[in-house]
Amino acid sequence: MLKIRLRRTGAKKQPSYRLVVAESTAPRDGTFLEILGHYNPLTNPATVQLKEERVKEWLQRGALPTERVERLLKKQGLIPA
């Protein structure tokens, strides 16, 4: 099963994340299929950059977003609230 989830990057105590499509059994920072965007929660307001067309395409293919990613996509207007 494919998931759209966050992959942690950044230094200790300074997290930033990549939105990736990965197999659900892969580790958090393990292998992935494609990078769909970036998320930085430390900026005010939080920065979210997405490849919207690719996100929509993966959602149509059946990839399921995690809870946090689903909230981010709802804020961006890619998933109905």
N, C-alpha and C. Protein backbone atom coordinates (compact mmCIF):
# COMPACT_ATOMS: atom_id res chain seq x y z
N MET A 1 0.84 -1.17 0.00
CA MET A 1 0.00 0.00 0.00
C MET A 1 0.89 1.24 0.00
N LEU A 2 0.56 2.19 -0.83
CA LEU A 2 1.33 3.43 -0.93
C LEU A 2 0.77 4.49 0.00
N LYS A 3 1.66 5.22 0.63
CA LYS A 3 1.28 6.31 1.53
C LYS A 3 1.98 7.59 1.11
N ILE A 4 1.29 8.70 1.28
CA ILE A 4 1.91 10.02 1.14
C ILE A 4 2.20 10.45 2.57
N ARG A 5 3.48 10.62 2.88
CA ARG A 5 3.85 10.90 4.26
C ARG A 5 5.04 11.84 4.33
N LEU A 6 5.36 12.24 5.57
CA LEU A 6 6.47 13.16 5.80
C LEU A 6 7.75 12.38 6.05
N ARG A 7 8.83 12.88 5.48
CA ARG A 7 10.16 12.31 5.68
C ARG A 7 11.00 13.40 6.33
N ARG A 8 11.52 13.13 7.51
CA ARG A 8 12.23 14.15 8.27
C ARG A 8 13.60 14.46 7.67
N THR A 9 13.90 15.75 7.54
CA THR A 9 15.22 16.23 7.16
C THR A 9 15.58 17.33 8.15
N GLY A 10 16.74 17.91 8.02
CA GLY A 10 17.10 19.01 8.89
C GLY A 10 17.94 18.55 10.07
N ALA A 11 18.47 19.52 10.77
CA ALA A 11 19.38 19.25 11.89
C ALA A 11 18.60 18.91 13.16
N LYS A 12 19.34 18.55 14.19
CA LYS A 12 18.77 18.24 15.48
C LYS A 12 18.04 19.47 16.03
N LYS A 13 16.83 19.27 16.48
CA LYS A 13 15.97 20.33 17.03
C LYS A 13 15.58 21.40 16.00
N GLN A 14 15.82 21.15 14.72
CA GLN A 14 15.41 22.06 13.65
C GLN A 14 14.81 21.23 12.52
N PRO A 15 13.64 20.64 12.75
CA PRO A 15 13.09 19.74 11.75
C PRO A 15 12.54 20.47 10.53
N SER A 16 12.70 19.85 9.41
CA SER A 16 11.97 20.21 8.20
C SER A 16 11.63 18.87 7.56
N TYR A 17 10.65 18.86 6.71
CA TYR A 17 10.14 17.61 6.19
C TYR A 17 9.98 17.66 4.69
N ARG A 18 10.07 16.50 4.06
CA ARG A 18 9.73 16.34 2.66
C ARG A 18 8.46 15.52 2.59
N LEU A 19 7.56 15.89 1.70
CA LEU A 19 6.38 15.08 1.43
C LEU A 19 6.78 14.06 0.38
N VAL A 20 6.65 12.78 0.69
CA VAL A 20 7.07 11.74 -0.24
C VAL A 20 5.98 10.69 -0.39
N VAL A 21 6.05 9.96 -1.49
CA VAL A 21 5.22 8.77 -1.69
C VAL A 21 6.11 7.58 -1.40
N ALA A 22 5.69 6.73 -0.46
CA ALA A 22 6.51 5.59 -0.07
C ALA A 22 5.61 4.39 0.21
N GLU A 23 6.20 3.22 0.14
CA GLU A 23 5.51 2.00 0.53
C GLU A 23 5.26 2.08 2.04
N SER A 24 4.11 1.62 2.50
CA SER A 24 3.77 1.76 3.92
C SER A 24 4.70 0.97 4.83
N THR A 25 5.35 -0.06 4.30
CA THR A 25 6.25 -0.87 5.13
C THR A 25 7.67 -0.30 5.21
N ALA A 26 7.98 0.70 4.39
CA ALA A 26 9.32 1.31 4.39
C ALA A 26 9.50 2.16 5.65
N PRO A 27 10.73 2.24 6.19
CA PRO A 27 10.96 3.09 7.36
C PRO A 27 10.73 4.58 7.03
N ARG A 28 10.53 5.38 8.06
CA ARG A 28 10.21 6.80 7.89
C ARG A 28 11.19 7.52 6.98
N ASP A 29 12.48 7.32 7.19
CA ASP A 29 13.48 7.99 6.37
C ASP A 29 14.12 7.03 5.37
N GLY A 30 13.40 5.97 5.03
CA GLY A 30 13.92 4.98 4.10
C GLY A 30 13.61 5.31 2.64
N THR A 31 13.45 4.28 1.85
CA THR A 31 13.23 4.46 0.42
C THR A 31 11.87 5.08 0.13
N PHE A 32 11.78 5.79 -0.98
CA PHE A 32 10.54 6.41 -1.39
C PHE A 32 10.50 6.43 -2.91
N LEU A 33 9.32 6.72 -3.46
CA LEU A 33 9.15 6.72 -4.91
C LEU A 33 9.33 8.11 -5.52
N GLU A 34 8.81 9.13 -4.85
CA GLU A 34 8.87 10.48 -5.42
C GLU A 34 8.73 11.53 -4.32
N ILE A 35 9.43 12.64 -4.47
CA ILE A 35 9.29 13.79 -3.57
C ILE A 35 8.18 14.68 -4.14
N LEU A 36 7.18 14.97 -3.29
CA LEU A 36 6.04 15.78 -3.74
C LEU A 36 6.08 17.21 -3.22
N GLY A 37 6.95 17.51 -2.27
CA GLY A 37 7.01 18.87 -1.76
C GLY A 37 7.82 18.95 -0.48
N HIS A 38 7.75 20.13 0.15
CA HIS A 38 8.50 20.41 1.37
C HIS A 38 7.57 21.04 2.40
N TYR A 39 7.87 20.83 3.67
CA TYR A 39 7.10 21.40 4.78
C TYR A 39 8.08 21.82 5.87
N ASN A 40 8.00 23.09 6.27
CA ASN A 40 8.85 23.61 7.34
C ASN A 40 7.96 24.19 8.43
N PRO A 41 7.81 23.47 9.56
CA PRO A 41 6.92 23.94 10.62
C PRO A 41 7.51 25.06 11.48
N LEU A 42 8.79 25.36 11.33
CA LEU A 42 9.44 26.36 12.19
C LEU A 42 9.21 27.79 11.75
N THR A 43 8.86 28.00 10.49
CA THR A 43 8.60 29.36 10.04
C THR A 43 7.23 29.81 10.54
N ASN A 44 7.00 31.10 10.57
CA ASN A 44 5.71 31.61 11.03
C ASN A 44 5.09 32.45 9.94
N PRO A 45 4.03 32.01 9.27
CA PRO A 45 3.35 30.70 9.38
C PRO A 45 4.18 29.59 8.73
N ALA A 46 3.80 28.36 8.99
CA ALA A 46 4.53 27.20 8.47
C ALA A 46 4.56 27.23 6.94
N THR A 47 5.70 26.88 6.35
CA THR A 47 5.88 26.90 4.91
C THR A 47 5.53 25.54 4.33
N VAL A 48 4.67 25.54 3.30
CA VAL A 48 4.32 24.31 2.60
C VAL A 48 4.45 24.57 1.11
N GLN A 49 5.31 23.79 0.44
CA GLN A 49 5.46 23.88 -1.01
C GLN A 49 5.13 22.50 -1.57
N LEU A 50 4.17 22.45 -2.50
CA LEU A 50 3.74 21.17 -3.05
C LEU A 50 3.74 21.19 -4.57
N LYS A 51 3.97 20.03 -5.16
CA LYS A 51 3.73 19.83 -6.59
C LYS A 51 2.29 19.34 -6.70
N GLU A 52 1.36 20.29 -6.83
CA GLU A 52 -0.06 19.98 -6.71
C GLU A 52 -0.54 18.95 -7.72
N GLU A 53 -0.09 19.06 -8.96
CA GLU A 53 -0.53 18.11 -9.98
C GLU A 53 -0.09 16.69 -9.64
N ARG A 54 1.15 16.54 -9.16
CA ARG A 54 1.66 15.21 -8.81
C ARG A 54 0.94 14.65 -7.59
N VAL A 55 0.61 15.51 -6.62
CA VAL A 55 -0.14 15.06 -5.44
C VAL A 55 -1.50 14.53 -5.87
N LYS A 56 -2.20 15.28 -6.72
CA LYS A 56 -3.51 14.84 -7.19
C LYS A 56 -3.42 13.52 -7.95
N GLU A 57 -2.37 13.38 -8.76
CA GLU A 57 -2.19 12.15 -9.52
C GLU A 57 -1.98 10.95 -8.60
N TRP A 58 -1.15 11.10 -7.58
CA TRP A 58 -0.92 9.99 -6.65
C TRP A 58 -2.17 9.66 -5.85
N LEU A 59 -2.94 10.67 -5.49
CA LEU A 59 -4.20 10.41 -4.77
C LEU A 59 -5.17 9.62 -5.65
N GLN A 60 -5.22 9.96 -6.95
CA GLN A 60 -6.08 9.23 -7.88
C GLN A 60 -5.62 7.79 -8.06
N ARG A 61 -4.31 7.56 -7.98
CA ARG A 61 -3.76 6.21 -8.11
C ARG A 61 -4.02 5.36 -6.88
N GLY A 62 -4.47 5.97 -5.79
CA GLY A 62 -4.80 5.21 -4.59
C GLY A 62 -3.86 5.37 -3.42
N ALA A 63 -2.91 6.29 -3.50
CA ALA A 63 -2.01 6.54 -2.37
C ALA A 63 -2.80 7.22 -1.25
N LEU A 64 -2.63 6.76 -0.03
CA LEU A 64 -3.35 7.32 1.11
C LEU A 64 -2.45 8.26 1.91
N PRO A 65 -2.92 9.47 2.21
CA PRO A 65 -2.12 10.38 3.03
C PRO A 65 -2.19 9.99 4.51
N THR A 66 -1.14 10.26 5.26
CA THR A 66 -1.18 10.07 6.70
C THR A 66 -2.04 11.19 7.30
N GLU A 67 -2.31 11.11 8.59
CA GLU A 67 -3.19 12.12 9.22
C GLU A 67 -2.63 13.52 9.09
N ARG A 68 -1.35 13.69 9.38
CA ARG A 68 -0.73 15.02 9.32
C ARG A 68 -0.71 15.55 7.89
N VAL A 69 -0.38 14.69 6.94
CA VAL A 69 -0.35 15.11 5.53
C VAL A 69 -1.75 15.47 5.07
N GLU A 70 -2.74 14.73 5.53
CA GLU A 70 -4.13 15.03 5.16
C GLU A 70 -4.52 16.43 5.63
N ARG A 71 -4.11 16.80 6.85
CA ARG A 71 -4.39 18.15 7.35
C ARG A 71 -3.69 19.21 6.50
N LEU A 72 -2.45 18.95 6.11
CA LEU A 72 -1.72 19.90 5.25
C LEU A 72 -2.40 20.05 3.89
N LEU A 73 -2.85 18.94 3.31
CA LEU A 73 -3.50 18.99 2.01
C LEU A 73 -4.85 19.70 2.09
N LYS A 74 -5.57 19.54 3.20
CA LYS A 74 -6.84 20.25 3.38
C LYS A 74 -6.59 21.76 3.47
N LYS A 75 -5.52 22.17 4.18
CA LYS A 75 -5.18 23.59 4.27
C LYS A 75 -4.85 24.18 2.90
N GLN A 76 -4.20 23.38 2.05
CA GLN A 76 -3.82 23.82 0.72
C GLN A 76 -4.99 23.74 -0.26
N GLY A 77 -6.09 23.09 0.13
CA GLY A 77 -7.26 22.99 -0.73
C GLY A 77 -7.20 21.85 -1.73
N LEU A 78 -6.33 20.88 -1.53
CA LEU A 78 -6.20 19.75 -2.47
C LEU A 78 -7.17 18.62 -2.12
N ILE A 79 -7.61 18.57 -0.86
CA ILE A 79 -8.60 17.59 -0.41
C ILE A 79 -9.76 18.39 0.18
N PRO A 80 -11.00 18.02 -0.14
CA PRO A 80 -12.13 18.75 0.46
C PRO A 80 -12.14 18.59 1.98
N ALA A 81 -12.44 19.67 2.67
CA ALA A 81 -12.42 19.68 4.14
C ALA A 81 -13.58 18.94 4.74
